[in-house]
Amino acid sequence: MAHSFDTDVLIIGGGPAGLACGIAARRQGLRAMVVDCSAPAIDKACGEGLMPDSVEVLQDLGVSLHGYETGEFGGIKFVGREDSVAADFPHGRGHGIRRLLLHEAFVNHAASCGVEMVWLARVTLSGSPEFAGKQAASVSVNGTRIRSRWIVGADGQNSNVRRWAGLDDAHISASRFGLRQHFRVKPWSDYVEIFWGELGQAYVTPVGREEICIALISRERFASFDAGLQHFPALAAHLQGAAATSAPRGAMTVSRRLKSVARCNVALIGEASGSVDAITGEGLAMAFRQALALAPAMASGNLSTYQQAHPQIMNLPGFMARSMLLLDNNAWLRRRALRAFAREPRLFKQLLSVHVGELPLAQLGARGLVNLGWRVLRA
């Protein structure tokens, strides 16, 4: 390849999505540069759980969590005010890891792969990706123009790259508020526990032998983490006397579907390319899969293959998010669903198998969905 560019792939955004893209690009023989206005390790409010399918994709990228403190969990448990139900994963175990540690693992692996990284970078976007009759697109990093064959926006849900590239046309179906905090307490369950309340959910994920992560997701903004916790009295009881090991951190979770994620030589990845509500816990897995789809598209010089793969990556998480948000928005339906799952845990296990990709949704079929709906209504 002729080196008429400073790099083959310029990735704007140095979170796990951007670093995953850099790693995947290097594996395709492309030179990659990741730039970010922050410096490692970069934190973000999230549930910090990696489902078994997420762990598998992480392994596909070559990122190892060996040597980092993690928690493990064997399944998912729904906890309502009256009923609860749990199911084990069909295969494998999930891992909980502090976001700061996950980012460190990505930075270290990206460096070992030869990804160039520029931190505390000032990025300036000018011109337009539409070259015909307009000023050519230009990206400057710390005042120096970077010539790149491909430009990737991995700069989150409020992406500047997305706006600059004219890819902001989207359907936004839901937005909610998230709060996260860590506590020093031994995990009391082998599951990620999801407590259901009237305003949202509380996720409990083990992130170490003596530490848990709690993420509150709600339709209304809580005045504080402690105020939000009071909406989940059973969870609050578990935390009596537990010391907080981090300050509360907040974020918005948005369900956004873009009409297009690529234009000319620009592509979007991670939350910049659209997102589903954090209720699924699949945000990172989607970003990793997008990286593995985008890199060969850039290597072949054809972003249309990535454009085709992107909605397929988002389809299942999107379906699961809509289904769970339906329960969140309808207290009557939520109570009946939890009651049905508690009476017939096999139904919950089937849905978990669909969620982690072990059971294709098509295999569950329309008959299975109708049967599930009928059992919920009868509960």
Protein backbone atom coordinates (compact mmCIF):
# COMPACT_ATOMS: atom_id res chain seq x y z
CA MET A 1 0.00 0.00 0.00
CA ALA A 2 1.38 3.37 -0.94
CA HIS A 3 1.88 5.53 2.12
CA SER A 4 0.45 8.80 0.77
CA PHE A 5 -1.46 9.16 4.04
CA ASP A 6 -0.24 9.84 7.56
CA THR A 7 -2.32 6.86 8.65
CA ASP A 8 -4.81 4.52 7.03
CA VAL A 9 -7.48 4.87 9.72
CA LEU A 10 -7.96 7.92 11.93
CA ILE A 11 -10.27 7.04 14.84
CA ILE A 12 -11.75 9.94 16.77
CA GLY A 13 -12.66 8.68 20.22
CA GLY A 14 -10.46 6.54 22.45
CA GLY A 15 -12.98 4.57 24.47
CA PRO A 16 -13.38 0.78 24.13
CA ALA A 17 -15.23 1.20 20.80
CA GLY A 18 -12.50 3.32 19.22
CA LEU A 19 -9.69 1.16 20.57
CA ALA A 20 -11.48 -1.99 19.39
CA CYS A 21 -11.65 -0.43 15.93
CA GLY A 22 -7.92 0.36 16.03
CA ILE A 23 -7.08 -3.19 17.11
CA ALA A 24 -9.28 -4.73 14.42
CA ALA A 25 -7.80 -2.41 11.77
CA ARG A 26 -4.25 -3.43 12.71
CA ARG A 27 -5.24 -7.07 12.36
CA GLN A 28 -6.25 -6.24 8.78
CA GLY A 29 -2.80 -4.76 8.11
CA LEU A 30 -3.97 -1.15 8.30
CA ARG A 31 -2.19 1.61 10.15
CA ALA A 32 -4.43 3.07 12.84
CA MET A 33 -4.34 6.24 14.92
CA VAL A 34 -6.70 6.80 17.85
CA VAL A 35 -7.15 10.36 19.17
CA ASP A 36 -9.11 11.51 22.21
CA CYS A 37 -9.46 14.71 24.20
CA SER A 38 -9.12 12.79 27.48
CA ALA A 39 -6.32 10.66 28.89
CA PRO A 40 -6.38 7.05 30.10
CA ALA A 41 -7.92 5.54 31.96
CA ILE A 42 -11.27 6.87 30.72
CA ASP A 43 -14.33 6.17 32.87
CA LYS A 44 -18.01 6.04 31.96
CA ALA A 45 -21.18 5.32 33.89
CA CYS A 46 -22.26 1.82 32.89
CA GLY A 47 -23.29 -1.50 34.42
CA GLU A 48 -19.78 -2.95 33.88
CA GLY A 49 -21.04 -6.45 33.10
CA LEU A 50 -19.81 -8.46 30.13
CA MET A 51 -22.20 -11.25 29.12
CA PRO A 52 -20.69 -14.52 27.82
CA ASP A 53 -21.20 -13.42 24.21
CA SER A 54 -19.39 -10.14 25.02
CA VAL A 55 -16.49 -12.10 26.53
CA GLU A 56 -16.26 -14.20 23.35
CA VAL A 57 -16.09 -11.13 21.11
CA LEU A 58 -13.50 -9.63 23.45
CA GLN A 59 -11.42 -12.77 22.94
CA ASP A 60 -11.87 -12.43 19.15
CA LEU A 61 -10.19 -9.02 19.47
CA GLY A 62 -7.37 -10.59 21.47
CA VAL A 63 -8.08 -8.49 24.58
CA SER A 64 -7.33 -10.44 27.76
CA LEU A 65 -8.65 -9.64 31.22
CA HIS A 66 -6.00 -11.84 32.81
CA GLY A 67 -4.32 -10.00 35.67
CA TYR A 68 -7.22 -7.59 36.20
CA GLU A 69 -9.61 -7.87 39.12
CA THR A 70 -12.98 -9.08 37.89
CA GLY A 71 -16.16 -10.57 39.24
CA GLU A 72 -17.93 -13.53 37.67
CA PHE A 73 -21.59 -14.36 37.27
CA GLY A 74 -23.37 -17.37 35.90
CA GLY A 75 -26.68 -15.90 34.81
CA ILE A 76 -29.35 -13.23 35.22
CA LYS A 77 -31.94 -12.78 37.97
CA PHE A 78 -35.02 -10.57 37.79
CA VAL A 79 -36.24 -9.35 41.19
CA GLY A 80 -39.69 -7.80 41.49
CA ARG A 81 -41.60 -6.68 44.54
CA GLU A 82 -43.62 -9.90 44.58
CA ASP A 83 -41.83 -12.42 42.34
CA SER A 84 -38.30 -13.24 41.23
CA VAL A 85 -36.79 -15.62 38.70
CA ALA A 86 -33.23 -16.61 37.74
CA ALA A 87 -31.65 -18.49 34.85
CA ASP A 88 -28.11 -19.65 34.14
CA PHE A 89 -26.40 -18.86 30.85
CA PRO A 90 -26.54 -21.79 28.39
CA HIS A 91 -22.74 -21.68 28.06
CA GLY A 92 -19.93 -19.76 29.66
CA ARG A 93 -19.88 -17.17 32.41
CA GLY A 94 -20.06 -13.42 32.43
CA HIS A 95 -17.47 -11.06 33.88
CA GLY A 96 -17.86 -7.81 35.73
CA ILE A 97 -14.95 -5.38 35.54
CA ARG A 98 -14.52 -1.74 36.51
CA ARG A 99 -14.71 0.41 33.38
CA LEU A 100 -11.35 2.00 34.23
CA LEU A 101 -9.70 -1.43 34.26
CA LEU A 102 -11.39 -2.46 31.01
CA HIS A 103 -10.12 0.69 29.35
CA GLU A 104 -6.61 0.01 30.64
CA ALA A 105 -6.75 -3.50 29.17
CA PHE A 106 -7.77 -2.06 25.79
CA VAL A 107 -5.07 0.61 25.83
CA ASN A 108 -2.37 -1.95 26.65
CA HIS A 109 -3.50 -4.36 23.94
CA ALA A 110 -3.86 -1.58 21.36
CA ALA A 111 -0.29 -0.49 22.11
CA SER A 112 0.96 -4.06 21.68
CA CYS A 113 -0.82 -4.21 18.30
CA GLY A 114 0.90 -1.06 17.09
CA VAL A 115 -2.06 1.31 17.31
CA GLU A 116 -0.83 4.91 17.53
CA MET A 117 -2.63 6.79 20.31
CA VAL A 118 -2.77 10.53 20.89
CA TRP A 119 -4.33 11.62 24.19
CA LEU A 120 -5.42 15.09 25.35
CA ALA A 121 -5.86 15.86 21.67
CA ARG A 122 -7.63 18.88 20.21
CA VAL A 123 -9.50 17.68 17.12
CA THR A 124 -10.76 20.12 14.48
CA LEU A 125 -13.13 19.00 11.71
CA SER A 126 -13.57 21.18 8.63
CA GLY A 127 -14.76 20.90 5.07
CA SER A 128 -17.16 18.13 4.10
CA PRO A 129 -16.95 14.40 3.38
CA GLU A 130 -18.75 15.25 0.11
CA PHE A 131 -15.78 16.16 -2.04
CA ALA A 132 -17.60 17.11 -5.26
CA GLY A 133 -17.80 20.87 -5.56
CA LYS A 134 -17.03 21.47 -1.88
CA GLN A 135 -14.05 22.07 0.33
CA ALA A 136 -12.35 18.73 0.93
CA ALA A 137 -12.73 17.14 4.35
CA SER A 138 -9.94 17.95 6.75
CA VAL A 139 -9.11 16.72 10.24
CA SER A 140 -6.51 18.47 12.38
CA VAL A 141 -5.09 17.06 15.60
CA ASN A 142 -3.41 19.57 17.89
CA GLY A 143 -3.16 21.97 14.95
CA THR A 144 -1.59 19.47 12.54
CA ARG A 145 -3.60 18.21 9.59
CA ILE A 146 -3.79 14.41 9.52
CA ARG A 147 -4.19 12.81 6.10
CA SER A 148 -6.11 9.57 6.47
CA ARG A 149 -7.72 7.17 4.04
CA TRP A 150 -10.57 6.46 6.48
CA ILE A 151 -12.07 8.50 9.31
CA VAL A 152 -13.98 6.73 12.06
CA GLY A 153 -16.22 8.48 14.55
CA ALA A 154 -16.13 6.66 17.89
CA ASP A 155 -16.91 9.75 19.94
CA GLY A 156 -20.08 8.67 21.72
CA GLN A 157 -23.76 9.45 21.57
CA ASN A 158 -23.18 13.22 21.16
CA SER A 159 -20.78 12.57 18.29
CA ASN A 160 -19.21 15.60 16.59
CA VAL A 161 -18.06 13.36 13.75
CA ARG A 162 -21.63 12.25 13.12
CA ARG A 163 -22.87 15.83 12.81
CA TRP A 164 -19.89 16.87 10.67
CA ALA A 165 -20.39 13.96 8.28
CA GLY A 166 -24.10 14.67 7.87
CA LEU A 167 -25.13 11.34 9.40
CA ASP A 168 -27.29 12.76 12.21
CA ASP A 169 -30.59 11.69 10.63
CA ALA A 170 -31.96 9.28 13.23
CA HIS A 171 -35.00 7.93 15.00
CA ILE A 172 -34.81 8.36 18.77
CA SER A 173 -37.39 6.22 20.54
CA ALA A 174 -36.41 6.50 24.21
CA SER A 175 -34.01 8.22 26.57
CA ARG A 176 -33.51 7.53 30.27
CA PHE A 177 -31.17 8.50 33.08
CA GLY A 178 -28.42 6.35 34.55
CA LEU A 179 -26.46 6.55 37.81
CA ARG A 180 -23.62 4.27 38.85
CA GLN A 181 -21.77 3.72 42.11
CA HIS A 182 -19.53 0.99 43.61
CA PHE A 183 -19.70 -0.55 47.06
CA ARG A 184 -17.32 -2.65 49.13
CA VAL A 185 -19.39 -5.73 49.87
CA LYS A 186 -19.04 -9.40 49.01
CA PRO A 187 -21.40 -10.31 46.14
CA TRP A 188 -24.36 -12.18 47.60
CA SER A 189 -25.41 -13.85 44.35
CA ASP A 190 -23.92 -15.71 41.39
CA TYR A 191 -26.15 -13.64 39.12
CA VAL A 192 -26.38 -10.13 37.80
CA GLU A 193 -29.49 -9.12 39.69
CA ILE A 194 -31.96 -6.72 38.09
CA PHE A 195 -34.36 -5.15 40.55
CA TRP A 196 -37.53 -3.80 38.96
CA GLY A 197 -39.18 -0.71 40.40
CA GLU A 198 -41.92 1.67 39.41
CA LEU A 199 -39.51 4.14 37.78
CA GLY A 200 -36.84 1.83 36.40
CA GLN A 201 -34.27 -0.82 37.24
CA ALA A 202 -31.26 -1.33 39.49
CA TYR A 203 -28.49 -3.57 38.16
CA VAL A 204 -26.14 -5.31 40.60
CA THR A 205 -22.93 -6.66 39.02
CA PRO A 206 -20.00 -8.27 40.86
CA VAL A 207 -16.78 -6.54 39.80
CA GLY A 208 -14.45 -8.17 42.32
CA ARG A 209 -14.37 -10.62 45.21
CA GLU A 210 -15.40 -7.84 47.60
CA GLU A 211 -16.93 -5.21 45.34
CA ILE A 212 -20.15 -4.68 43.39
CA CYS A 213 -21.32 -2.14 40.84
CA ILE A 214 -24.85 -0.78 41.10
CA ALA A 215 -26.38 0.99 38.11
CA LEU A 216 -29.73 2.73 38.44
CA ILE A 217 -31.65 3.38 35.20
CA SER A 218 -34.85 5.40 35.39
CA ARG A 219 -37.37 7.36 33.38
CA GLU A 220 -37.10 10.25 35.85
CA ARG A 221 -33.88 11.81 37.07
CA PHE A 222 -33.19 10.90 40.69
CA ALA A 223 -32.09 13.75 42.96
CA SER A 224 -29.15 11.61 44.10
CA PHE A 225 -27.94 8.02 44.07
CA ASP A 226 -29.21 7.51 47.64
CA ALA A 227 -32.61 8.91 46.67
CA GLY A 228 -32.78 6.51 43.74
CA LEU A 229 -31.77 3.57 45.88
CA GLN A 230 -34.80 4.14 48.12
CA HIS A 231 -37.00 3.03 45.21
CA PHE A 232 -35.45 -0.45 45.60
CA PRO A 233 -35.85 -1.29 49.32
CA ALA A 234 -34.79 -4.94 48.95
CA LEU A 235 -31.52 -3.82 47.36
CA ALA A 236 -31.02 -1.05 49.93
CA ALA A 237 -31.27 -3.69 52.66
CA HIS A 238 -28.31 -5.57 51.14
CA LEU A 239 -26.19 -2.41 51.36
CA GLN A 240 -26.68 -1.69 55.04
CA GLY A 241 -23.23 -0.78 56.39
CA ALA A 242 -21.50 -1.16 53.00
CA ALA A 243 -18.94 1.53 52.20
CA ALA A 244 -19.05 3.30 48.83
CA THR A 245 -15.83 2.84 46.85
CA SER A 246 -16.56 5.43 44.16
CA ALA A 247 -18.50 8.64 43.73
CA PRO A 248 -21.82 8.47 41.85
CA ARG A 249 -21.46 8.98 38.11
CA GLY A 250 -24.33 9.72 35.72
CA ALA A 251 -25.08 9.36 32.02
CA MET A 252 -27.99 9.33 29.59
CA THR A 253 -29.01 6.11 27.88
CA VAL A 254 -30.61 6.65 24.47
CA SER A 255 -32.30 4.39 21.94
CA ARG A 256 -31.13 5.85 18.63
CA ARG A 257 -31.28 4.28 15.16
CA LEU A 258 -29.41 6.05 12.35
CA LYS A 259 -30.47 5.89 8.72
CA SER A 260 -26.83 5.52 7.67
CA VAL A 261 -23.55 4.90 9.48
CA ALA A 262 -21.15 5.57 6.59
CA ARG A 263 -20.60 8.32 4.04
CA CYS A 264 -17.71 8.63 1.61
CA ASN A 265 -14.64 7.74 3.68
CA VAL A 266 -16.30 8.28 7.09
CA ALA A 267 -17.81 5.56 9.27
CA LEU A 268 -19.34 5.57 12.73
CA ILE A 269 -18.94 2.98 15.47
CA GLY A 270 -20.18 2.45 19.02
CA GLU A 271 -22.74 4.89 20.42
CA ALA A 272 -21.82 7.39 17.72
CA SER A 273 -23.41 4.94 15.26
CA GLY A 274 -26.62 4.49 17.25
CA SER A 275 -27.52 2.79 20.50
CA VAL A 276 -30.08 0.75 22.39
CA ASP A 277 -31.18 1.35 25.96
CA ALA A 278 -28.64 0.21 28.55
CA ILE A 279 -31.26 -2.19 29.89
CA THR A 280 -29.83 -4.86 27.55
CA GLY A 281 -26.24 -4.67 28.78
CA GLU A 282 -25.13 -5.21 25.17
CA GLY A 283 -23.60 -1.83 24.32
CA LEU A 284 -19.98 -2.99 24.45
CA ALA A 285 -20.68 -6.25 22.62
CA MET A 286 -22.30 -4.33 19.78
CA ALA A 287 -19.30 -1.98 19.53
CA PHE A 288 -16.87 -4.91 19.44
CA ARG A 289 -18.87 -6.64 16.70
CA GLN A 290 -19.02 -3.39 14.74
CA ALA A 291 -15.24 -3.08 14.95
CA LEU A 292 -14.80 -6.60 13.60
CA ALA A 293 -17.19 -5.77 10.72
CA LEU A 294 -15.77 -2.33 9.92
CA ALA A 295 -12.08 -3.28 9.73
CA PRO A 296 -12.39 -5.71 6.77
CA ALA A 297 -14.72 -3.26 5.03
CA MET A 298 -12.01 -0.58 5.21
CA ALA A 299 -9.33 -3.07 4.17
CA SER A 300 -11.37 -3.98 1.07
CA GLY A 301 -12.13 -0.33 0.30
CA ASN A 302 -15.90 -0.83 0.50
CA LEU A 303 -17.82 0.62 3.45
CA SER A 304 -21.12 -0.66 2.05
CA THR A 305 -20.45 -4.07 3.59
CA TYR A 306 -20.24 -2.39 7.00
CA GLN A 307 -23.41 -0.43 6.31
CA GLN A 308 -25.17 -3.73 5.60
CA ALA A 309 -23.75 -5.50 8.67
CA HIS A 310 -24.50 -2.69 11.13
CA PRO A 311 -28.30 -3.08 11.41
CA GLN A 312 -27.92 -6.84 11.70
CA ILE A 313 -25.64 -6.30 14.71
CA MET A 314 -28.23 -4.02 16.33
CA ASN A 315 -31.37 -6.02 15.53
CA LEU A 316 -31.39 -8.48 18.43
CA PRO A 317 -30.30 -6.00 21.14
CA GLY A 318 -32.89 -3.58 19.77
CA PHE A 319 -35.64 -6.21 19.99
CA MET A 320 -34.64 -7.14 23.54
CA ALA A 321 -34.50 -3.47 24.58
CA ARG A 322 -37.98 -2.78 23.20
CA SER A 323 -39.35 -5.86 24.97
CA MET A 324 -37.83 -4.91 28.33
CA LEU A 325 -38.83 -1.26 28.00
CA LEU A 326 -42.40 -2.45 27.42
CA LEU A 327 -42.24 -4.09 30.86
CA ASP A 328 -40.67 -0.93 32.29
CA ASN A 329 -43.50 1.25 30.99
CA ASN A 330 -46.40 -1.03 31.97
CA ALA A 331 -46.61 -2.03 35.63
CA TRP A 332 -49.52 -4.42 35.03
CA LEU A 333 -47.68 -6.25 32.28
CA ARG A 334 -44.44 -6.28 34.30
CA ARG A 335 -46.11 -7.93 37.31
CA ARG A 336 -47.75 -10.55 35.12
CA ALA A 337 -44.53 -11.28 33.22
CA LEU A 338 -42.51 -11.75 36.41
CA ARG A 339 -45.27 -13.97 37.82
CA ALA A 340 -45.27 -16.07 34.64
CA PHE A 341 -41.48 -16.39 34.68
CA ALA A 342 -41.51 -17.36 38.36
CA ARG A 343 -44.10 -20.08 37.68
CA GLU A 344 -42.31 -21.35 34.58
CA PRO A 345 -38.57 -20.53 34.79
CA ARG A 346 -38.07 -22.38 31.50
CA LEU A 347 -39.64 -19.39 29.69
CA PHE A 348 -37.13 -17.03 31.28
CA LYS A 349 -34.26 -19.36 30.40
CA GLN A 350 -35.41 -19.38 26.77
CA LEU A 351 -35.43 -15.58 26.65
CA LEU A 352 -31.97 -15.43 28.21
CA SER A 353 -30.74 -17.89 25.56
CA VAL A 354 -32.12 -15.57 22.87
CA HIS A 355 -30.56 -12.56 24.57
CA VAL A 356 -27.02 -14.01 24.56
CA GLY A 357 -27.34 -15.33 21.00
CA GLU A 358 -27.49 -19.03 21.88
CA LEU A 359 -31.07 -19.42 20.63
CA PRO A 360 -31.87 -17.56 17.40
CA LEU A 361 -35.01 -15.46 17.70
CA ALA A 362 -36.28 -17.04 14.48
CA GLN A 363 -35.97 -20.47 16.13
CA LEU A 364 -38.16 -19.33 19.00
CA GLY A 365 -40.56 -18.34 16.24
CA ALA A 366 -43.91 -16.58 16.14
CA ARG A 367 -45.56 -19.54 17.87
CA GLY A 368 -43.11 -19.31 20.75
CA LEU A 369 -43.69 -15.56 21.12
CA VAL A 370 -47.46 -16.01 21.03
CA ASN A 371 -47.19 -18.80 23.59
CA LEU A 372 -45.06 -16.59 25.81
CA GLY A 373 -47.54 -13.73 25.51
CA TRP A 374 -50.45 -16.05 26.31
CA ARG A 375 -48.73 -17.35 29.43
CA VAL A 376 -47.94 -13.83 30.58
CA LEU A 377 -51.57 -12.75 30.14
CA ARG A 378 -52.79 -15.81 32.03
CA ALA A 379 -50.40 -15.28 34.97
